[in-house]
PDB file of N, CA and C in Angstrom:
ATOM      1  N   GLU A   1      -3.836  19.802  13.629  1.00  0.00           N
ATOM      2  CA  GLU A   1      -3.390  19.142  12.433  1.00  0.00           C
ATOM      3  C   GLU A   1      -4.183  17.876  12.184  1.00  0.00           C
ATOM      4  N   ALA A   2      -4.242  17.462  10.938  1.00  0.00           N
ATOM      5  CA  ALA A   2      -4.998  16.267  10.566  1.00  0.00           C
ATOM      6  C   ALA A   2      -4.458  15.022  11.266  1.00  0.00           C
ATOM      7  N   GLY A   3      -3.142  14.916  11.380  1.00  0.00           N
ATOM      8  CA  GLY A   3      -2.548  13.745  12.020  1.00  0.00           C
ATOM      9  C   GLY A   3      -3.042  13.547  13.435  1.00  0.00           C
ATOM     10  N   HIS A   4      -3.176  14.629  14.190  1.00  0.00           N
ATOM     11  CA  HIS A   4      -3.645  14.539  15.575  1.00  0.00           C
ATOM     12  C   HIS A   4      -5.120  14.168  15.637  1.00  0.00           C
ATOM     13  N   ARG A   5      -5.910  14.655  14.673  1.00  0.00           N
ATOM     14  CA  ARG A   5      -7.339  14.342  14.668  1.00  0.00           C
ATOM     15  C   ARG A   5      -7.579  12.884  14.304  1.00  0.00           C
ATOM     16  N   ILE A   6      -6.776  12.357  13.398  1.00  0.00           N
ATOM     17  CA  ILE A   6      -6.985  10.997  12.915  1.00  0.00           C
ATOM     18  C   ILE A   6      -6.308   9.966  13.800  1.00  0.00           C
ATOM     19  N   LEU A   7      -5.096  10.253  14.230  1.00  0.00           N
ATOM     20  CA  LEU A   7      -4.313   9.300  15.024  1.00  0.00           C
ATOM     21  C   LEU A   7      -3.939   9.905  16.370  1.00  0.00           C
ATOM     22  N   PRO A   8      -4.596   9.464  17.445  1.00  0.00           N
ATOM     23  CA  PRO A   8      -4.220   9.975  18.763  1.00  0.00           C
ATOM     24  C   PRO A   8      -2.741   9.696  19.035  1.00  0.00           C
ATOM     25  N   GLY A   9      -2.052  10.678  19.565  1.00  0.00           N
ATOM     26  CA  GLY A   9      -0.637  10.518  19.865  1.00  0.00           C
ATOM     27  C   GLY A   9       0.269  10.741  18.670  1.00  0.00           C
ATOM     28  N   PHE A  10      -0.301  11.193  17.542  1.00  0.00           N
ATOM     29  CA  PHE A  10       0.495  11.449  16.340  1.00  0.00           C
ATOM     30  C   PHE A  10       1.589  12.460  16.639  1.00  0.00           C
ATOM     31  N   SER A  11       2.770  12.186  16.156  1.00  0.00           N
ATOM     32  CA  SER A  11       3.901  13.089  16.341  1.00  0.00           C
ATOM     33  C   SER A  11       4.499  13.414  14.982  1.00  0.00           C
ATOM     34  N   LYS A  12       4.444  14.673  14.596  1.00  0.00           N
ATOM     35  CA  LYS A  12       5.022  15.087  13.317  1.00  0.00           C
ATOM     36  C   LYS A  12       6.523  14.821  13.309  1.00  0.00           C
ATOM     37  N   ALA A  13       7.177  15.037  14.418  1.00  0.00           N
ATOM     38  CA  ALA A  13       8.623  14.793  14.492  1.00  0.00           C
ATOM     39  C   ALA A  13       8.930  13.313  14.262  1.00  0.00           C
ATOM     40  N   ALA A  14       8.164  12.430  14.889  1.00  0.00           N
ATOM     41  CA  ALA A  14       8.382  10.993  14.714  1.00  0.00           C
ATOM     42  C   ALA A  14       8.075  10.580  13.273  1.00  0.00           C
ATOM     43  N   PHE A  15       7.023  11.164  12.704  1.00  0.00           N
ATOM     44  CA  PHE A  15       6.666  10.864  11.317  1.00  0.00           C
ATOM     45  C   PHE A  15       7.771  11.314  10.374  1.00  0.00           C
ATOM     46  N   ASP A  16       8.278  12.530  10.583  1.00  0.00           N
ATOM     47  CA  ASP A  16       9.370  13.039   9.748  1.00  0.00           C
ATOM     48  C   ASP A  16      10.618  12.165   9.876  1.00  0.00           C
ATOM     49  N   ALA A  17      10.909  11.690  11.091  1.00  0.00           N
ATOM     50  CA  ALA A  17      12.067  10.813  11.304  1.00  0.00           C
ATOM     51  C   ALA A  17      11.881   9.497  10.569  1.00  0.00           C
ATOM     52  N   MET A  18      10.657   8.970  10.590  1.00  0.00           N
ATOM     53  CA  MET A  18      10.381   7.719   9.885  1.00  0.00           C
ATOM     54  C   MET A  18      10.580   7.900   8.375  1.00  0.00           C
ATOM     55  N   LEU A  19      10.136   9.037   7.849  1.00  0.00           N
ATOM     56  CA  LEU A  19      10.279   9.290   6.417  1.00  0.00           C
ATOM     57  C   LEU A  19      11.749   9.378   5.998  1.00  0.00           C
ATOM     58  N   GLU A  20      12.589   9.861   6.895  1.00  0.00           N
ATOM     59  CA  GLU A  20      14.017   9.933   6.578  1.00  0.00           C
ATOM     60  C   GLU A  20      14.626   8.543   6.373  1.00  0.00           C
ATOM     61  N   GLU A  21      14.017   7.532   6.983  1.00  0.00           N
ATOM     62  CA  GLU A  21      14.534   6.174   6.897  1.00  0.00           C
ATOM     63  C   GLU A  21      13.657   5.276   6.033  1.00  0.00           C
ATOM     64  N   ILE A  22      12.841   5.861   5.184  1.00  0.00           N
ATOM     65  CA  ILE A  22      11.880   5.077   4.397  1.00  0.00           C
ATOM     66  C   ILE A  22      12.566   4.071   3.477  1.00  0.00           C
ATOM     67  N   ASP A  23      13.742   4.417   2.996  1.00  0.00           N
ATOM     68  CA  ASP A  23      14.457   3.492   2.108  1.00  0.00           C
ATOM     69  C   ASP A  23      14.966   2.256   2.842  1.00  0.00           C
ATOM     70  N   ASP A  24      14.997   2.303   4.180  1.00  0.00           N
ATOM     71  CA  ASP A  24      15.455   1.159   4.971  1.00  0.00           C
ATOM     72  C   ASP A  24      14.328   0.179   5.299  1.00  0.00           C
ATOM     73  N   LEU A  25      13.092   0.542   4.962  1.00  0.00           N
ATOM     74  CA  LEU A  25      11.951  -0.323   5.260  1.00  0.00           C
ATOM     75  C   LEU A  25      11.936  -1.517   4.307  1.00  0.00           C
ATOM     76  N   PRO A  26      11.400  -2.654   4.769  1.00  0.00           N
ATOM     77  CA  PRO A  26      11.283  -3.810   3.873  1.00  0.00           C
ATOM     78  C   PRO A  26      10.342  -3.484   2.713  1.00  0.00           C
ATOM     79  N   SER A  27      10.500  -4.188   1.614  1.00  0.00           N
ATOM     80  CA  SER A  27       9.619  -3.982   0.458  1.00  0.00           C
ATOM     81  C   SER A  27       8.216  -4.503   0.774  1.00  0.00           C
ATOM     82  N   ALA A  28       7.253  -4.062  -0.010  1.00  0.00           N
ATOM     83  CA  ALA A  28       5.879  -4.545   0.142  1.00  0.00           C
ATOM     84  C   ALA A  28       5.840  -6.062  -0.034  1.00  0.00           C
ATOM     85  N   TYR A  29       6.613  -6.571  -0.991  1.00  0.00           N
ATOM     86  CA  TYR A  29       6.676  -8.018  -1.222  1.00  0.00           C
ATOM     87  C   TYR A  29       7.189  -8.736   0.031  1.00  0.00           C
ATOM     88  N   ASP A  30       8.281  -8.232   0.598  1.00  0.00           N
ATOM     89  CA  ASP A  30       8.868  -8.873   1.778  1.00  0.00           C
ATOM     90  C   ASP A  30       7.936  -8.827   2.984  1.00  0.00           C
ATOM     91  N   LEU A  31       7.161  -7.764   3.102  1.00  0.00           N
ATOM     92  CA  LEU A  31       6.210  -7.670   4.213  1.00  0.00           C
ATOM     93  C   LEU A  31       5.038  -8.628   4.039  1.00  0.00           C
ATOM     94  N   ALA A  32       4.598  -8.801   2.797  1.00  0.00           N
ATOM     95  CA  ALA A  32       3.412  -9.621   2.538  1.00  0.00           C
ATOM     96  C   ALA A  32       3.718 -11.111   2.430  1.00  0.00           C
ATOM     97  N   ALA A  33       4.917 -11.468   1.993  1.00  0.00           N
ATOM     98  CA  ALA A  33       5.249 -12.871   1.715  1.00  0.00           C
ATOM     99  C   ALA A  33       4.966 -13.830   2.877  1.00  0.00           C
ATOM    100  N   PRO A  34       5.287 -13.485   4.125  1.00  0.00           N
ATOM    101  CA  PRO A  34       5.012 -14.441   5.217  1.00  0.00           C
ATOM    102  C   PRO A  34       3.523 -14.749   5.391  1.00  0.00           C
ATOM    103  N   LEU A  35       2.669 -13.825   4.960  1.00  0.00           N
ATOM    104  CA  LEU A  35       1.228 -14.044   5.112  1.00  0.00           C
ATOM    105  C   LEU A  35       0.707 -15.142   4.196  1.00  0.00           C
ATOM    106  N   ARG A  36       1.434 -15.433   3.132  1.00  0.00           N
ATOM    107  CA  ARG A  36       1.002 -16.456   2.172  1.00  0.00           C
ATOM    108  C   ARG A  36       0.819 -17.805   2.863  1.00  0.00           C
ATOM    109  N   LYS A  37       1.725 -18.127   3.790  1.00  0.00           N
ATOM    110  CA  LYS A  37       1.631 -19.406   4.491  1.00  0.00           C
ATOM    111  C   LYS A  37       0.736 -19.334   5.729  1.00  0.00           C
ATOM    112  N   GLN A  38       0.541 -18.131   6.247  1.00  0.00           N
ATOM    113  CA  GLN A  38      -0.211 -17.965   7.486  1.00  0.00           C
ATOM    114  C   GLN A  38      -1.720 -17.859   7.280  1.00  0.00           C
ATOM    115  N   LEU A  39      -2.138 -17.371   6.098  1.00  0.00           N
ATOM    116  CA  LEU A  39      -3.553 -17.095   5.857  1.00  0.00           C
ATOM    117  C   LEU A  39      -4.106 -17.987   4.755  1.00  0.00           C
ATOM    118  N   ASP A  40      -5.408 -18.251   4.832  1.00  0.00           N
ATOM    119  CA  ASP A  40      -6.042 -19.002   3.753  1.00  0.00           C
ATOM    120  C   ASP A  40      -6.264 -18.073   2.557  1.00  0.00           C
ATOM    121  N   GLU A  41      -6.616 -18.672   1.422  1.00  0.00           N
ATOM    122  CA  GLU A  41      -6.745 -17.888   0.191  1.00  0.00           C
ATOM    123  C   GLU A  41      -7.818 -16.809   0.305  1.00  0.00           C
ATOM    124  N   GLU A  42      -8.918 -17.108   0.950  1.00  0.00           N
ATOM    125  CA  GLU A  42      -9.983 -16.122   1.112  1.00  0.00           C
ATOM    126  C   GLU A  42      -9.483 -14.894   1.880  1.00  0.00           C
ATOM    127  N   SER A  43      -8.733 -15.113   2.929  1.00  0.00           N
ATOM    128  CA  SER A  43      -8.186 -14.004   3.717  1.00  0.00           C
ATOM    129  C   SER A  43      -7.187 -13.184   2.908  1.00  0.00           C
ATOM    130  N   ARG A  44      -6.361 -13.878   2.126  1.00  0.00           N
ATOM    131  CA  ARG A  44      -5.389 -13.164   1.287  1.00  0.00           C
ATOM    132  C   ARG A  44      -6.105 -12.341   0.218  1.00  0.00           C
ATOM    133  N   ASP A  45      -7.175 -12.901  -0.363  1.00  0.00           N
ATOM    134  CA  ASP A  45      -7.974 -12.142  -1.332  1.00  0.00           C
ATOM    135  C   ASP A  45      -8.592 -10.905  -0.689  1.00  0.00           C
ATOM    136  N   LEU A  46      -9.083 -11.047   0.532  1.00  0.00           N
ATOM    137  CA  LEU A  46      -9.682  -9.906   1.239  1.00  0.00           C
ATOM    138  C   LEU A  46      -8.655  -8.811   1.489  1.00  0.00           C
ATOM    139  N   ILE A  47      -7.442  -9.205   1.836  1.00  0.00           N
ATOM    140  CA  ILE A  47      -6.380  -8.218   2.031  1.00  0.00           C
ATOM    141  C   ILE A  47      -6.152  -7.434   0.748  1.00  0.00           C
ATOM    142  N   MET A  48      -6.082  -8.138  -0.389  1.00  0.00           N
ATOM    143  CA  MET A  48      -5.857  -7.446  -1.665  1.00  0.00           C
ATOM    144  C   MET A  48      -7.018  -6.523  -1.996  1.00  0.00           C
ATOM    145  N   GLU A  49      -8.248  -6.980  -1.778  1.00  0.00           N
ATOM    146  CA  GLU A  49      -9.410  -6.133  -2.038  1.00  0.00           C
ATOM    147  C   GLU A  49      -9.350  -4.873  -1.182  1.00  0.00           C
ATOM    148  N   TYR A  50      -8.977  -5.028   0.073  1.00  0.00           N
ATOM    149  CA  TYR A  50      -8.862  -3.883   0.975  1.00  0.00           C
ATOM    150  C   TYR A  50      -7.778  -2.923   0.505  1.00  0.00           C
ATOM    151  N   LEU A  51      -6.603  -3.435   0.153  1.00  0.00           N
ATOM    152  CA  LEU A  51      -5.506  -2.579  -0.294  1.00  0.00           C
ATOM    153  C   LEU A  51      -5.865  -1.819  -1.571  1.00  0.00           C
ATOM    154  N   VAL A  52      -6.541  -2.485  -2.494  1.00  0.00           N
ATOM    155  CA  VAL A  52      -6.975  -1.805  -3.721  1.00  0.00           C
ATOM    156  C   VAL A  52      -8.023  -0.743  -3.383  1.00  0.00           C
ATOM    157  N   ALA A  53      -8.916  -1.040  -2.450  1.00  0.00           N
ATOM    158  CA  ALA A  53      -9.919  -0.044  -2.039  1.00  0.00           C
ATOM    159  C   ALA A  53      -9.251   1.191  -1.446  1.00  0.00           C
ATOM    160  N   VAL A  54      -8.231   0.988  -0.637  1.00  0.00           N
ATOM    161  CA  VAL A  54      -7.502   2.116  -0.054  1.00  0.00           C
ATOM    162  C   VAL A  54      -6.800   2.916  -1.152  1.00  0.00           C
ATOM    163  N   ALA A  55      -6.134   2.217  -2.067  1.00  0.00           N
ATOM    164  CA  ALA A  55      -5.387   2.889  -3.137  1.00  0.00           C
ATOM    165  C   ALA A  55      -6.304   3.662  -4.072  1.00  0.00           C
ATOM    166  N   THR A  56      -7.526   3.171  -4.286  1.00  0.00           N
ATOM    167  CA  THR A  56      -8.446   3.833  -5.215  1.00  0.00           C
ATOM    168  C   THR A  56      -9.392   4.809  -4.531  1.00  0.00           C
ATOM    169  N   ALA A  57      -9.279   4.960  -3.235  1.00  0.00           N
ATOM    170  CA  ALA A  57     -10.199   5.827  -2.493  1.00  0.00           C
ATOM    171  C   ALA A  57     -10.164   7.273  -2.975  1.00  0.00           C
ATOM    172  N   ASP A  58      -9.026   7.729  -3.443  1.00  0.00           N
ATOM    173  CA  ASP A  58      -8.925   9.101  -3.946  1.00  0.00           C
ATOM    174  C   ASP A  58      -9.158   9.172  -5.454  1.00  0.00           C
ATOM    175  N   HIS A  59      -9.620   8.064  -6.025  1.00  0.00           N
ATOM    176  CA  HIS A  59      -9.931   7.970  -7.460  1.00  0.00           C
ATOM    177  C   HIS A  59      -8.706   8.174  -8.341  1.00  0.00           C
ATOM    178  N   GLU A  60      -7.543   7.898  -7.782  1.00  0.00           N
ATOM    179  CA  GLU A  60      -6.308   8.033  -8.548  1.00  0.00           C
ATOM    180  C   GLU A  60      -5.284   7.039  -8.021  1.00  0.00           C
ATOM    181  N   VAL A  61      -4.834   6.147  -8.891  1.00  0.00           N
ATOM    182  CA  VAL A  61      -3.775   5.206  -8.539  1.00  0.00           C
ATOM    183  C   VAL A  61      -2.583   5.545  -9.420  1.00  0.00           C
ATOM    184  N   VAL A  62      -1.515   5.992  -8.788  1.00  0.00           N
ATOM    185  CA  VAL A  62      -0.316   6.341  -9.546  1.00  0.00           C
ATOM    186  C   VAL A  62       0.525   5.087  -9.752  1.00  0.00           C
ATOM    187  N   GLN A  63       1.481   5.165 -10.658  1.00  0.00           N
ATOM    188  CA  GLN A  63       2.267   4.007 -11.063  1.00  0.00           C
ATOM    189  C   GLN A  63       2.944   3.307  -9.882  1.00  0.00           C
ATOM    190  N   VAL A  64       3.509   4.070  -8.968  1.00  0.00           N
ATOM    191  CA  VAL A  64       4.212   3.447  -7.837  1.00  0.00           C
ATOM    192  C   VAL A  64       3.231   2.667  -6.958  1.00  0.00           C
ATOM    193  N   GLU A  65       2.008   3.174  -6.782  1.00  0.00           N
ATOM    194  CA  GLU A  65       1.001   2.428  -6.022  1.00  0.00           C
ATOM    195  C   GLU A  65       0.660   1.119  -6.733  1.00  0.00           C
ATOM    196  N   ALA A  66       0.492   1.195  -8.042  1.00  0.00           N
ATOM    197  CA  ALA A  66       0.164   0.002  -8.826  1.00  0.00           C
ATOM    198  C   ALA A  66       1.262  -1.050  -8.706  1.00  0.00           C
ATOM    199  N   GLU A  67       2.506  -0.610  -8.739  1.00  0.00           N
ATOM    200  CA  GLU A  67       3.629  -1.541  -8.627  1.00  0.00           C
ATOM    201  C   GLU A  67       3.661  -2.203  -7.254  1.00  0.00           C
ATOM    202  N   GLU A  68       3.375  -1.442  -6.209  1.00  0.00           N
ATOM    203  CA  GLU A  68       3.344  -2.012  -4.858  1.00  0.00           C
ATOM    204  C   GLU A  68       2.200  -3.007  -4.713  1.00  0.00           C
ATOM    205  N   LEU A  69       1.037  -2.674  -5.261  1.00  0.00           N
ATOM    206  CA  LEU A  69      -0.102  -3.593  -5.208  1.00  0.00           C
ATOM    207  C   LEU A  69       0.212  -4.887  -5.950  1.00  0.00           C
ATOM    208  N   LYS A  70       0.855  -4.780  -7.087  1.00  0.00           N
ATOM    209  CA  LYS A  70       1.232  -5.966  -7.857  1.00  0.00           C
ATOM    210  C   LYS A  70       2.204  -6.832  -7.053  1.00  0.00           C
ATOM    211  N   ALA A  71       3.159  -6.205  -6.391  1.00  0.00           N
ATOM    212  CA  ALA A  71       4.130  -6.952  -5.581  1.00  0.00           C
ATOM    213  C   ALA A  71       3.443  -7.683  -4.438  1.00  0.00           C
ATOM    214  N   VAL A  72       2.488  -7.030  -3.789  1.00  0.00           N
ATOM    215  CA  VAL A  72       1.779  -7.674  -2.678  1.00  0.00           C
ATOM    216  C   VAL A  72       0.956  -8.847  -3.194  1.00  0.00           C
ATOM    217  N   ALA A  73       0.268  -8.659  -4.310  1.00  0.00           N
ATOM    218  CA  ALA A  73      -0.531  -9.750  -4.879  1.00  0.00           C
ATOM    219  C   ALA A  73       0.361 -10.950  -5.207  1.00  0.00           C
ATOM    220  N   GLN A  74       1.517 -10.682  -5.795  1.00  0.00           N
ATOM    221  CA  GLN A  74       2.452 -11.776  -6.101  1.00  0.00           C
ATOM    222  C   GLN A  74       2.921 -12.472  -4.827  1.00  0.00           C
ATOM    223  N   ALA A  75       3.242 -11.687  -3.815  1.00  0.00           N
ATOM    224  CA  ALA A  75       3.723 -12.268  -2.557  1.00  0.00           C
ATOM    225  C   ALA A  75       2.647 -13.113  -1.887  1.00  0.00           C
ATOM    226  N   LEU A  76       1.404 -12.650  -1.961  1.00  0.00           N
ATOM    227  CA  LEU A  76       0.302 -13.377  -1.346  1.00  0.00           C
ATOM    228  C   LEU A  76      -0.164 -14.557  -2.198  1.00  0.00           C
ATOM    229  N   GLY A  77       0.222 -14.563  -3.475  1.00  0.00           N
ATOM    230  CA  GLY A  77      -0.197 -15.627  -4.366  1.00  0.00           C
ATOM    231  C   GLY A  77      -1.660 -15.529  -4.751  1.00  0.00           C
ATOM    232  N   VAL A  78      -2.152 -14.302  -4.905  1.00  0.00           N
ATOM    233  CA  VAL A  78      -3.550 -14.077  -5.289  1.00  0.00           C
ATOM    234  C   VAL A  78      -3.597 -13.166  -6.511  1.00  0.00           C
ATOM    235  N   PRO A  79      -4.718 -13.204  -7.249  1.00  0.00           N
ATOM    236  CA  PRO A  79      -4.831 -12.305  -8.390  1.00  0.00           C
ATOM    237  C   PRO A  79      -4.965 -10.856  -7.930  1.00  0.00           C
ATOM    238  N   LEU A  80      -4.481  -9.971  -8.751  1.00  0.00           N
ATOM    239  CA  LEU A  80      -4.584  -8.540  -8.480  1.00  0.00           C
ATOM    240  C   LEU A  80      -5.930  -8.052  -8.993  1.00  0.00           C
ATOM    241  N   PRO A  81      -6.792  -7.512  -8.122  1.00  0.00           N
ATOM    242  CA  PRO A  81      -8.061  -6.956  -8.604  1.00  0.00           C
ATOM    243  C   PRO A  81      -7.795  -5.844  -9.623  1.00  0.00           C
ATOM    244  N   SER A  82      -8.725  -5.657 -10.526  1.00  0.00           N
ATOM    245  CA  SER A  82      -8.509  -4.659 -11.569  1.00  0.00           C
ATOM    246  C   SER A  82      -8.759  -3.245 -11.039  1.00  0.00           C
ATOM    247  N   PHE A  83      -8.005  -2.314 -11.578  1.00  0.00           N
ATOM    248  CA  PHE A  83      -8.141  -0.889 -11.280  1.00  0.00           C
ATOM    249  C   PHE A  83      -7.417  -0.143 -12.385  1.00  0.00           C
ATOM    250  N   LEU A  84      -7.723   1.129 -12.516  1.00  0.00           N
ATOM    251  CA  LEU A  84      -7.082   1.959 -13.531  1.00  0.00           C
ATOM    252  C   LEU A  84      -5.926   2.716 -12.919  1.00  0.00           C
ATOM    253  N   VAL A  85      -4.825   2.765 -13.644  1.00  0.00           N
ATOM    254  CA  VAL A  85      -3.664   3.531 -13.211  1.00  0.00           C
ATOM    255  C   VAL A  85      -3.720   4.894 -13.876  1.00  0.00           C
ATOM    256  N   SER A  86      -3.548   5.945 -13.080  1.00  0.00           N
ATOM    257  CA  SER A  86      -3.590   7.309 -13.603  1.00  0.00           C
ATOM    258  C   SER A  86      -2.375   7.593 -14.458  1.00  0.00           C
ATOM    259  N   GLU A  87      -2.603   8.335 -15.509  1.00  0.00           N
ATOM    260  CA  GLU A  87      -1.500   8.772 -16.357  1.00  0.00           C
ATOM    261  C   GLU A  87      -0.798   9.940 -15.666  1.00  0.00           C
ATOM    262  N   PRO A  88       0.522   9.990 -15.728  1.00  0.00           N
ATOM    263  CA  PRO A  88       1.223  11.130 -15.126  1.00  0.00           C
ATOM    264  C   PRO A  88       0.873  12.409 -15.861  1.00  0.00           C
ATOM    265  N   GLU A  89       0.736  13.473 -15.088  1.00  0.00           N
ATOM    266  CA  GLU A  89       0.428  14.768 -15.686  1.00  0.00           C
ATOM    267  C   GLU A  89       1.680  15.318 -16.330  1.00  0.00           C
ATOM    268  N   MET A  90       1.514  15.869 -17.504  1.00  0.00           N
ATOM    269  CA  MET A  90       2.643  16.483 -18.227  1.00  0.00           C
ATOM    270  C   MET A  90       2.667  17.967 -17.882  1.00  0.00           C
ATOM    271  N   SER A  91       3.799  18.448 -17.439  1.00  0.00           N
ATOM    272  CA  SER A  91       3.908  19.876 -17.131  1.00  0.00           C
ATOM    273  C   SER A  91       4.212  20.626 -18.424  1.00  0.00           C
ATOM    274  N   SER A  92       3.683  21.830 -18.499  1.00  0.00           N
ATOM    275  CA  SER A  92       3.890  22.596 -19.734  1.00  0.00           C
ATOM    276  C   SER A  92       4.989  23.593 -19.630  1.00  0.00           C
TER     277      SER A  92
END
């Protein structure tokens, strides 16, 4: 499986268990907010550039990804780099 090739020790069972509790995880804003005081502005900008690069790696940023990126940028107190948000596909 891809998980085993990419992440040594990957466990599908553990991953599935984590997904069951995904709603209990802190928000992206809450995770990023403490970094605002811990990191300088250049480091916070680099984090945002990296996150946008990851989100755009598949050449598609869906609305929920865009909202999470915006929340992290706000929490870090840095501008959100520009990117295009994909339009949802309409089923026929």
